[in-house]
């Protein structure tokens, strides 16, 4: 291969890399735009999930208390 062929090959590869980088940039731009639209919904889901982590033990405690009252009433009220 001559120097001219090597340089042409190098330029072709660099052009290919430029195209890939432009595609990546466009994809990242679209991803960032989508993320900005979806972020409030995700934040709301996270808040609900964190709230449910608190709510589930409370509901379990309430259910245990109701069961205890039912068991007491079953034994003592006749």
C-alpha atoms as a PDB file:
ATOM      1  CA  UNK A   1       0.000   0.000   0.000  1.00  0.00           C
ATOM      2  CA  UNK A   2       1.162   3.448  -0.767  1.00  0.00           C
ATOM      3  CA  UNK A   3       1.072   6.347   1.611  1.00  0.00           C
ATOM      4  CA  UNK A   4      -1.850   7.773  -0.336  1.00  0.00           C
ATOM      5  CA  UNK A   5      -3.835   4.558   0.155  1.00  0.00           C
ATOM      6  CA  UNK A   6      -3.074   4.530   3.857  1.00  0.00           C
ATOM      7  CA  UNK A   7      -4.185   8.133   4.216  1.00  0.00           C
ATOM      8  CA  UNK A   8      -7.377   7.432   2.248  1.00  0.00           C
ATOM      9  CA  UNK A   9      -8.096   4.460   4.498  1.00  0.00           C
ATOM     10  CA  UNK A  10      -7.470   6.582   7.588  1.00  0.00           C
ATOM     11  CA  UNK A  11      -9.806   9.319   6.286  1.00  0.00           C
ATOM     12  CA  UNK A  12     -12.509   6.741   5.513  1.00  0.00           C
ATOM     13  CA  UNK A  13     -12.274   5.327   9.022  1.00  0.00           C
ATOM     14  CA  UNK A  14     -12.353   8.796  10.569  1.00  0.00           C
ATOM     15  CA  UNK A  15     -15.434   9.670   8.510  1.00  0.00           C
ATOM     16  CA  UNK A  16     -17.072   6.478   9.738  1.00  0.00           C
ATOM     17  CA  UNK A  17     -16.248   7.404  13.325  1.00  0.00           C
ATOM     18  CA  UNK A  18     -17.691  10.880  12.791  1.00  0.00           C
ATOM     19  CA  UNK A  19     -20.953   9.362  11.566  1.00  0.00           C
ATOM     20  CA  UNK A  20     -21.105   7.071  14.605  1.00  0.00           C
ATOM     21  CA  UNK A  21     -20.397   9.960  16.964  1.00  0.00           C
ATOM     22  CA  UNK A  22     -23.169  12.027  15.371  1.00  0.00           C
ATOM     23  CA  UNK A  23     -25.582   9.110  15.790  1.00  0.00           C
ATOM     24  CA  UNK A  24     -24.556   8.755  19.433  1.00  0.00           C
ATOM     25  CA  UNK A  25     -25.020  12.488  19.985  1.00  0.00           C
ATOM     26  CA  UNK A  26     -28.486  12.385  18.415  1.00  0.00           C
ATOM     27  CA  UNK A  27     -29.423   9.358  20.504  1.00  0.00           C
ATOM     28  CA  UNK A  28     -28.202  11.038  23.690  1.00  0.00           C
ATOM     29  CA  UNK A  29     -30.115  14.211  22.862  1.00  0.00           C
ATOM     30  CA  UNK A  30     -33.304  12.204  22.311  1.00  0.00           C
ATOM     31  CA  UNK A  31     -32.681  10.246  25.513  1.00  0.00           C
ATOM     32  CA  UNK A  32     -32.204  13.417  27.552  1.00  0.00           C
ATOM     33  CA  UNK A  33     -35.392  14.924  26.111  1.00  0.00           C
ATOM     34  CA  UNK A  34     -37.332  11.758  26.932  1.00  0.00           C
ATOM     35  CA  UNK A  35     -35.840  11.630  30.421  1.00  0.00           C
ATOM     36  CA  UNK A  36     -37.005  15.192  31.096  1.00  0.00           C
ATOM     37  CA  UNK A  37     -40.554  14.197  30.118  1.00  0.00           C
ATOM     38  CA  UNK A  38     -40.581  10.968  32.148  1.00  0.00           C
ATOM     39  CA  UNK A  39     -38.751  12.205  35.258  1.00  0.00           C
ATOM     40  CA  UNK A  40     -41.836  13.632  37.049  1.00  0.00           C
ATOM     41  CA  UNK A  41     -43.715  10.345  36.635  1.00  0.00           C
ATOM     42  CA  UNK A  42     -40.747   8.341  37.899  1.00  0.00           C
ATOM     43  CA  UNK A  43     -40.351  10.676  40.872  1.00  0.00           C
ATOM     44  CA  UNK A  44     -44.035  10.172  41.696  1.00  0.00           C
ATOM     45  CA  UNK A  45     -43.656   6.389  41.493  1.00  0.00           C
ATOM     46  CA  UNK A  46     -40.642   6.526  43.789  1.00  0.00           C
ATOM     47  CA  UNK A  47     -42.591   8.645  46.275  1.00  0.00           C
ATOM     48  CA  UNK A  48     -45.472   6.149  46.193  1.00  0.00           C
ATOM     49  CA  UNK A  49     -43.057   3.248  46.657  1.00  0.00           C
ATOM     50  CA  UNK A  50     -41.386   4.933  49.624  1.00  0.00           C
ATOM     51  CA  UNK A  51     -44.810   5.673  51.068  1.00  0.00           C
ATOM     52  CA  UNK A  52     -45.858   2.065  50.639  1.00  0.00           C
ATOM     53  CA  UNK A  53     -42.781   0.953  52.571  1.00  0.00           C
ATOM     54  CA  UNK A  54     -44.189   2.901  55.513  1.00  0.00           C
ATOM     55  CA  UNK A  55     -47.822   1.997  54.847  1.00  0.00           C
ATOM     56  CA  UNK A  56     -47.359  -1.789  54.626  1.00  0.00           C
ATOM     57  CA  UNK A  57     -46.058  -2.197  58.201  1.00  0.00           C
ATOM     58  CA  UNK A  58     -48.864   0.050  59.455  1.00  0.00           C
ATOM     59  CA  UNK A  59     -51.469  -2.033  57.651  1.00  0.00           C
ATOM     60  CA  UNK A  60     -49.908  -5.249  58.915  1.00  0.00           C
ATOM     61  CA  UNK A  61     -49.987  -3.912  62.480  1.00  0.00           C
ATOM     62  CA  UNK A  62     -53.623  -2.863  62.072  1.00  0.00           C
ATOM     63  CA  UNK A  63     -54.533  -6.301  60.714  1.00  0.00           C
ATOM     64  CA  UNK A  64     -52.775  -7.980  63.645  1.00  0.00           C
ATOM     65  CA  UNK A  65     -54.637  -5.732  66.062  1.00  0.00           C
ATOM     66  CA  UNK A  66     -57.989  -6.537  64.419  1.00  0.00           C
ATOM     67  CA  UNK A  67     -57.161 -10.253  64.568  1.00  0.00           C
ATOM     68  CA  UNK A  68     -56.233  -9.967  68.257  1.00  0.00           C
ATOM     69  CA  UNK A  69     -59.524  -8.196  69.024  1.00  0.00           C
ATOM     70  CA  UNK A  70     -61.435 -10.862  67.084  1.00  0.00           C
ATOM     71  CA  UNK A  71     -59.644 -13.677  68.926  1.00  0.00           C
ATOM     72  CA  UNK A  72     -60.261 -12.005  72.306  1.00  0.00           C
ATOM     73  CA  UNK A  73     -63.930 -11.440  71.471  1.00  0.00           C
ATOM     74  CA  UNK A  74     -64.304 -15.048  70.338  1.00  0.00           C
ATOM     75  CA  UNK A  75     -62.940 -16.327  73.661  1.00  0.00           C
ATOM     76  CA  UNK A  76     -64.637 -13.840  75.984  1.00  0.00           C
ATOM     77  CA  UNK A  77     -67.976 -12.965  74.397  1.00  0.00           C
ATOM     78  CA  UNK A  78     -70.437 -15.858  74.450  1.00  0.00           C
END
